């Protein structure tokens, strides 16, 4: 669309040229070498050019749960899509082998206590040596650590939910042998207000325009006729190494029961820091090439200066240009520009 717009600029410039020719021939006779022109002041506007990006719906908070030790899965208590509460038991391993390890470590620790006490008593009676006491004390401390490790491993042979949420993915089935750290469940806060997010990738030229809390709207492929409001909650400080894009997180303003994790959404972000632009009449255009246009401006109302401007958009009788090369105090020539060159002296007609 933008390319097609700028192709029209050359045609519009030719039309403007014809109008200006008629204007000069019909105007009053001037008594000096001043070139007659008409001007208008620059009109500054605030533009909002949405940034478009796509992403996949996910949970605001999600985590993958696993067992700390190897073992055989005895129970899986919830399935995908089910809601869970904090500290709810989700799964456990068969504890036969793990309980045996705990009992073995417990007996070894109890024996080490007896050995230490015996060696200490013998030392007090001058029958034993200090080295024997120190050695049995070391064995006792090691046995105590082994018991604590076995008890800790038994504790994490059970998976409990760390927060209130729902099951997003179940990776295994009962009876499977799993290794330490192998994913068992993925759970997230889906199903609760403020939990649904869309992660999108934004190019560097656009990410600098975005701020936290900027508004956005999302349309999902599953609900093509519904715009869902959202806002920016996170902006990454570094680009993704493979895509070169910056990750931006959009949080849906309300939870929607009919939206599921994995839905593809197309987002439009509305930067609050969009720069201001100028809206000027299309008659000001002398020549257009690509996205650039040539106009004449005056600051002192006595001479003119040629300016190259970037044309961002245009309507039937106006165009939107960037403010980069134009001062606020400028006036733009809308009649007589076709016969001007930089530093020409002008007379402004009323």
Protein backbone atom coordinates (compact mmCIF):
# COMPACT_ATOMS: atom_id res chain seq x y z
CA UNK A 1 0.00 0.00 0.00
CA UNK A 2 2.74 2.45 0.92
CA UNK A 3 4.62 1.80 -2.33
CA UNK A 4 1.47 2.33 -4.37
CA UNK A 5 0.85 5.62 -2.58
CA UNK A 6 4.24 7.01 -3.49
CA UNK A 7 3.90 5.98 -7.14
CA UNK A 8 1.01 8.41 -7.25
CA UNK A 9 3.14 11.29 -5.97
CA UNK A 10 4.70 11.99 -9.39
CA UNK A 11 1.24 12.19 -11.00
CA UNK A 12 -0.03 14.48 -8.27
CA UNK A 13 3.02 16.72 -8.74
CA UNK A 14 2.24 17.10 -12.46
CA UNK A 15 -1.35 18.04 -11.61
CA UNK A 16 -0.13 20.60 -9.09
CA UNK A 17 2.29 22.03 -11.72
CA UNK A 18 -0.62 22.70 -14.10
CA UNK A 19 -2.63 24.43 -11.40
CA UNK A 20 0.31 26.63 -10.45
CA UNK A 21 0.86 27.67 -14.11
CA UNK A 22 -2.69 28.92 -14.33
CA UNK A 23 -2.32 30.70 -10.98
CA UNK A 24 0.72 32.70 -12.12
CA UNK A 25 -0.75 33.81 -15.43
CA UNK A 26 -3.95 35.06 -13.84
CA UNK A 27 -2.42 36.89 -10.89
CA UNK A 28 -1.92 40.63 -10.56
CA UNK A 29 1.13 42.35 -12.06
CA UNK A 30 3.87 42.86 -9.48
CA UNK A 31 6.09 45.97 -9.51
CA UNK A 32 9.27 44.22 -8.37
CA UNK A 33 11.37 41.12 -8.98
CA UNK A 34 9.76 39.37 -6.00
CA UNK A 35 8.15 36.07 -6.91
CA UNK A 36 4.50 35.83 -5.84
CA UNK A 37 3.59 32.89 -3.61
CA UNK A 38 0.94 31.82 -1.18
CA UNK A 39 1.90 30.02 1.99
CA UNK A 40 0.33 28.23 4.95
CA UNK A 41 1.76 27.58 8.37
CA UNK A 42 2.87 24.04 9.17
CA UNK A 43 0.21 22.02 10.97
CA UNK A 44 1.69 19.68 13.54
CA UNK A 45 -0.23 16.49 14.33
CA UNK A 46 0.25 13.51 16.62
CA UNK A 47 0.25 10.31 14.60
CA UNK A 48 -0.33 6.80 15.85
CA UNK A 49 1.15 4.25 13.49
CA UNK A 50 0.45 0.80 14.96
CA UNK A 51 3.21 -1.80 15.03
CA UNK A 52 2.09 -5.21 13.82
CA UNK A 53 3.50 -8.49 15.17
CA UNK A 54 2.43 -12.08 15.76
CA UNK A 55 2.87 -14.47 18.65
CA UNK A 56 1.52 -17.48 20.52
CA UNK A 57 -0.70 -17.30 23.60
CA UNK A 58 0.96 -18.54 26.79
CA UNK A 59 0.70 -18.19 30.56
CA UNK A 60 2.00 -15.28 32.56
CA UNK A 61 3.61 -17.76 34.94
CA UNK A 62 4.37 -21.33 34.01
CA UNK A 63 6.80 -23.96 35.18
CA UNK A 64 7.89 -27.47 34.24
CA UNK A 65 7.77 -29.94 37.15
CA UNK A 66 9.90 -33.06 37.51
CA UNK A 67 11.21 -35.53 40.08
CA UNK A 68 14.65 -35.07 41.62
CA UNK A 69 15.52 -38.79 41.43
CA UNK A 70 15.08 -41.67 39.02
CA UNK A 71 12.16 -44.01 39.53
CA UNK A 72 8.93 -45.58 38.36
CA UNK A 73 5.86 -43.32 38.23
CA UNK A 74 3.19 -44.75 40.49
CA UNK A 75 0.50 -42.04 40.34
CA UNK A 76 -0.40 -39.14 38.05
CA UNK A 77 -3.33 -37.43 39.73
CA UNK A 78 -4.29 -34.74 37.19
CA UNK A 79 -4.65 -34.46 33.42
CA UNK A 80 -4.12 -31.67 30.93
CA UNK A 81 -6.58 -28.80 31.34
CA UNK A 82 -7.44 -29.56 34.96
CA UNK A 83 -7.15 -26.80 37.52
CA UNK A 84 -4.90 -27.26 40.55
CA UNK A 85 -4.39 -25.43 43.84
CA UNK A 86 -1.24 -24.57 45.77
CA UNK A 87 0.52 -27.61 47.31
CA UNK A 88 -1.88 -30.06 45.64
CA UNK A 89 -0.24 -33.47 45.13
CA UNK A 90 0.10 -34.03 41.38
CA UNK A 91 2.28 -37.15 41.06
CA UNK A 92 4.55 -39.51 42.94
CA UNK A 93 7.09 -42.24 42.25
CA UNK A 94 6.93 -45.77 43.59
CA UNK A 95 8.65 -45.26 46.94
CA UNK A 96 9.71 -48.84 47.64
CA UNK A 97 13.33 -48.38 46.59
CA UNK A 98 13.51 -44.80 47.94
CA UNK A 99 12.11 -45.82 51.35
CA UNK A 100 14.66 -48.64 51.50
CA UNK A 101 17.45 -46.13 50.87
CA UNK A 102 16.12 -43.94 53.68
CA UNK A 103 15.95 -46.89 56.08
CA UNK A 104 19.46 -48.00 55.16
CA UNK A 105 20.82 -44.49 55.73
CA UNK A 106 18.94 -44.31 59.04
CA UNK A 107 20.43 -47.59 60.32
CA UNK A 108 23.92 -46.54 59.25
CA UNK A 109 23.54 -43.26 61.11
CA UNK A 110 22.30 -44.99 64.28
CA UNK A 111 25.27 -47.40 64.18
CA UNK A 112 27.70 -44.49 63.70
CA UNK A 113 26.31 -42.85 66.84
CA UNK A 114 26.89 -46.04 68.86
CA UNK A 115 30.42 -46.43 67.46
CA UNK A 116 31.26 -42.83 68.33
CA UNK A 117 29.94 -43.17 71.88
CA UNK A 118 31.89 -46.43 72.41
CA UNK A 119 35.14 -44.90 71.09
CA UNK A 120 34.63 -41.81 73.23
CA UNK A 121 34.08 -43.90 76.39
CA UNK A 122 37.17 -45.99 75.67
CA UNK A 123 39.19 -42.84 75.21
CA UNK A 124 37.97 -41.50 78.56
CA UNK A 125 39.09 -44.77 80.18
CA UNK A 126 42.48 -44.39 78.48
CA UNK A 127 41.86 -47.62 76.57
CA UNK A 128 41.09 -46.03 73.23
CA UNK A 129 42.95 -43.38 71.27
CA UNK A 130 42.02 -39.87 70.19
CA UNK A 131 42.32 -40.95 66.55
CA UNK A 132 39.59 -43.57 67.05
CA UNK A 133 37.28 -40.92 68.50
CA UNK A 134 37.94 -38.55 65.61
CA UNK A 135 37.43 -41.29 63.00
CA UNK A 136 34.10 -42.44 64.45
CA UNK A 137 32.93 -38.84 64.71
CA UNK A 138 33.70 -38.32 61.01
CA UNK A 139 31.75 -41.49 60.11
CA UNK A 140 28.84 -40.26 62.22
CA UNK A 141 28.72 -36.88 60.41
CA UNK A 142 28.89 -38.54 56.98
CA UNK A 143 26.10 -40.94 57.93
CA UNK A 144 24.00 -38.04 59.15
CA UNK A 145 24.47 -36.27 55.78
CA UNK A 146 23.60 -39.44 53.87
CA UNK A 147 20.37 -39.79 55.85
CA UNK A 148 19.45 -36.15 55.18
CA UNK A 149 20.10 -36.65 51.44
CA UNK A 150 17.93 -39.78 51.32
CA UNK A 151 15.10 -38.03 53.17
CA UNK A 152 15.38 -35.01 50.86
CA UNK A 153 15.22 -37.23 47.77
CA UNK A 154 12.14 -38.96 49.16
CA UNK A 155 10.51 -35.57 49.70
CA UNK A 156 11.06 -34.70 46.01
CA UNK A 157 9.79 -38.06 44.81
CA UNK A 158 6.42 -36.36 45.09
CA UNK A 159 5.35 -33.44 42.90
CA UNK A 160 3.18 -30.74 44.45
CA UNK A 161 1.79 -27.70 42.64
CA UNK A 162 3.77 -24.56 43.50
CA UNK A 163 0.81 -22.27 42.79
CA UNK A 164 -2.84 -22.11 41.85
CA UNK A 165 -3.26 -22.70 38.15
CA UNK A 166 -3.98 -25.38 35.57
CA UNK A 167 -2.15 -28.22 33.85
CA UNK A 168 -0.87 -27.13 30.45
CA UNK A 169 0.97 -30.32 29.49
CA UNK A 170 1.39 -33.88 30.75
CA UNK A 171 4.57 -35.46 29.39
CA UNK A 172 4.50 -39.02 30.81
CA UNK A 173 2.15 -41.82 31.84
CA UNK A 174 1.86 -43.99 34.95
CA UNK A 175 4.28 -46.90 35.05
CA UNK A 176 6.97 -45.13 33.03
CA UNK A 177 10.54 -45.05 34.29
CA UNK A 178 11.75 -41.46 34.43
CA UNK A 179 15.16 -39.98 35.05
CA UNK A 180 15.98 -37.15 37.43
CA UNK A 181 14.81 -33.83 36.00
CA UNK A 182 12.72 -35.35 33.19
CA UNK A 183 9.59 -33.21 32.57
CA UNK A 184 6.41 -34.64 34.04
CA UNK A 185 3.96 -31.71 34.03
CA UNK A 186 3.90 -28.13 32.80
CA UNK A 187 1.54 -25.93 34.78
CA UNK A 188 0.69 -22.26 34.50
CA UNK A 189 -1.64 -19.61 35.83
CA UNK A 190 -3.95 -19.88 32.83
CA UNK A 191 -7.53 -19.53 33.94
CA UNK A 192 -7.00 -16.57 36.23
CA UNK A 193 -7.32 -12.85 35.58
CA UNK A 194 -4.23 -11.23 34.10
CA UNK A 195 -2.48 -14.51 33.38
CA UNK A 196 -2.71 -14.73 29.59
CA UNK A 197 0.12 -13.24 27.56
CA UNK A 198 1.32 -13.01 23.98
CA UNK A 199 5.05 -12.96 23.25
CA UNK A 200 5.88 -11.08 20.05
CA UNK A 201 9.13 -10.15 18.29
CA UNK A 202 9.70 -6.49 17.39
CA UNK A 203 12.43 -5.01 15.18
CA UNK A 204 14.91 -2.53 16.66
CA UNK A 205 13.49 0.44 14.70
CA UNK A 206 10.09 -0.18 16.30
CA UNK A 207 11.00 -1.37 19.80
CA UNK A 208 12.49 2.04 20.65
CA UNK A 209 9.01 3.54 20.22
CA UNK A 210 7.37 1.19 22.73
CA UNK A 211 6.97 1.79 26.46
CA UNK A 212 5.60 -0.29 29.31
CA UNK A 213 1.79 0.04 29.56
CA UNK A 214 1.39 1.03 25.90
CA UNK A 215 -1.92 -0.28 24.61
CA UNK A 216 -2.38 -3.06 22.08
CA UNK A 217 -5.12 -5.14 20.48
CA UNK A 218 -4.94 -8.80 19.49
CA UNK A 219 -6.93 -10.84 16.99
CA UNK A 220 -6.63 -14.62 17.25
CA UNK A 221 -7.03 -16.94 14.29
CA UNK A 222 -9.58 -18.90 16.31
CA UNK A 223 -11.68 -15.73 16.86
CA UNK A 224 -11.05 -13.64 13.73
CA UNK A 225 -13.86 -11.14 14.35
CA UNK A 226 -12.95 -10.20 17.91
CA UNK A 227 -10.34 -7.62 18.94
CA UNK A 228 -9.02 -8.33 22.43
CA UNK A 229 -7.42 -5.42 24.34
CA UNK A 230 -3.97 -5.88 25.88
CA UNK A 231 -1.03 -3.81 27.08
CA UNK A 232 2.76 -4.01 27.13
CA UNK A 233 4.14 -5.52 30.35
CA UNK A 234 7.73 -6.46 29.44
CA UNK A 235 10.31 -5.34 26.86
CA UNK A 236 13.55 -7.31 26.50
CA UNK A 237 16.79 -5.36 26.64
CA UNK A 238 18.64 -7.61 24.18
CA UNK A 239 17.71 -9.05 20.80
CA UNK A 240 17.13 -12.76 20.28
CA UNK A 241 20.39 -14.20 18.88
CA UNK A 242 18.73 -16.14 16.06
CA UNK A 243 16.01 -13.71 14.93
CA UNK A 244 17.51 -10.33 15.83
CA UNK A 245 14.11 -9.28 17.19
CA UNK A 246 13.32 -7.94 20.66
CA UNK A 247 10.85 -9.88 22.74
CA UNK A 248 7.83 -7.85 23.89
CA UNK A 249 5.26 -9.30 26.27
CA UNK A 250 1.60 -8.31 25.90
CA UNK A 251 -0.79 -9.12 28.74
CA UNK A 252 -4.48 -9.47 28.01
CA UNK A 253 -6.50 -7.04 30.10
CA UNK A 254 -9.07 -9.70 30.97
CA UNK A 255 -9.03 -13.48 31.09
CA UNK A 256 -10.91 -15.19 28.25
CA UNK A 257 -12.12 -18.73 28.90
CA UNK A 258 -12.34 -19.59 25.21
CA UNK A 259 -8.67 -18.81 24.53
CA UNK A 260 -6.24 -21.69 24.90
CA UNK A 261 -2.47 -21.74 25.22
CA UNK A 262 -0.92 -22.13 21.80
CA UNK A 263 -3.48 -19.98 19.94
CA UNK A 264 -1.79 -17.78 17.32
CA UNK A 265 -2.57 -14.08 17.66
CA UNK A 266 -1.87 -11.04 15.49
CA UNK A 267 -1.19 -7.96 17.60
CA UNK A 268 -1.21 -4.25 16.89
CA UNK A 269 0.78 -2.13 19.34
CA UNK A 270 0.05 1.58 19.71
CA UNK A 271 3.21 3.43 20.80
CA UNK A 272 2.56 6.33 23.17
CA UNK A 273 5.86 7.89 22.13
CA UNK A 274 5.11 8.22 18.42
CA UNK A 275 6.79 11.37 17.14
CA UNK A 276 4.81 14.32 15.85
CA UNK A 277 4.39 14.89 12.12
CA UNK A 278 3.30 17.70 9.82
CA UNK A 279 0.15 17.70 7.74
CA UNK A 280 0.60 19.93 4.69
CA UNK A 281 -1.50 20.49 1.55
CA UNK A 282 -0.66 18.32 -1.43
CA UNK A 283 -0.28 21.54 -3.46
CA UNK A 284 3.02 22.12 -1.69
CA UNK A 285 4.58 19.14 -3.46
CA UNK A 286 6.88 20.18 -6.29
CA UNK A 287 8.34 16.78 -7.09
CA UNK A 288 8.13 13.28 -5.68
CA UNK A 289 10.51 10.34 -6.02
CA UNK A 290 10.12 7.13 -4.08
CA UNK A 291 9.24 8.09 -0.51
CA UNK A 292 10.83 11.53 -0.77
CA UNK A 293 9.16 14.79 -1.79
CA UNK A 294 10.48 18.25 -2.62
CA UNK A 295 8.82 21.36 -1.18
CA UNK A 296 9.68 25.02 -0.53
CA UNK A 297 9.42 26.70 2.87
CA UNK A 298 10.00 30.17 4.23
CA UNK A 299 10.99 31.15 7.74
CA UNK A 300 11.45 34.92 7.35
CA UNK A 301 8.65 35.43 4.76
CA UNK A 302 11.24 37.06 2.47
CA UNK A 303 13.14 34.18 0.91
CA UNK A 304 12.47 30.50 0.33
CA UNK A 305 14.46 27.33 0.92
CA UNK A 306 14.06 24.00 -0.81
CA UNK A 307 13.54 20.99 1.47
CA UNK A 308 13.52 17.25 0.93
CA UNK A 309 10.92 15.58 3.17
CA UNK A 310 9.92 11.99 3.79
CA UNK A 311 6.29 11.47 2.81
CA UNK A 312 4.75 9.04 5.28
CA UNK A 313 1.19 9.03 3.98
CA UNK A 314 -1.25 11.20 2.07
CA UNK A 315 -4.94 11.75 1.55
CA UNK A 316 -6.94 13.35 -1.25
CA UNK A 317 -5.65 16.89 -0.63
CA UNK A 318 -2.92 16.55 2.01
CA UNK A 319 0.20 14.59 2.88
CA UNK A 320 1.86 13.63 6.15
CA UNK A 321 5.58 14.32 6.33
CA UNK A 322 8.27 13.78 8.93
CA UNK A 323 9.30 16.75 11.07
CA UNK A 324 13.03 15.96 10.83
CA UNK A 325 13.98 18.65 8.29
CA UNK A 326 11.34 21.26 9.11
CA UNK A 327 11.27 23.87 11.86
CA UNK A 328 8.01 24.62 13.65
CA UNK A 329 8.16 28.26 12.63
CA UNK A 330 8.26 27.45 8.93
CA UNK A 331 5.53 28.22 6.42
CA UNK A 332 5.18 26.04 3.35
CA UNK A 333 4.62 27.40 -0.16
CA UNK A 334 1.39 26.09 -1.66
CA UNK A 335 1.16 28.33 -4.77
CA UNK A 336 4.02 29.47 -6.97
CA UNK A 337 6.46 26.78 -5.82
CA UNK A 338 6.92 25.40 -9.35
CA UNK A 339 8.89 28.51 -10.36
CA UNK A 340 11.08 28.80 -7.28
CA UNK A 341 14.61 27.89 -6.40
CA UNK A 342 16.41 28.16 -3.07
CA UNK A 343 17.11 31.71 -1.82
CA UNK A 344 14.60 33.32 -4.22
CA UNK A 345 13.00 36.46 -2.86
CA UNK A 346 9.24 36.22 -2.52
CA UNK A 347 6.16 38.30 -1.98
CA UNK A 348 3.42 36.58 -0.05
CA UNK A 349 -0.04 37.08 -1.55
CA UNK A 350 -3.06 37.23 0.68
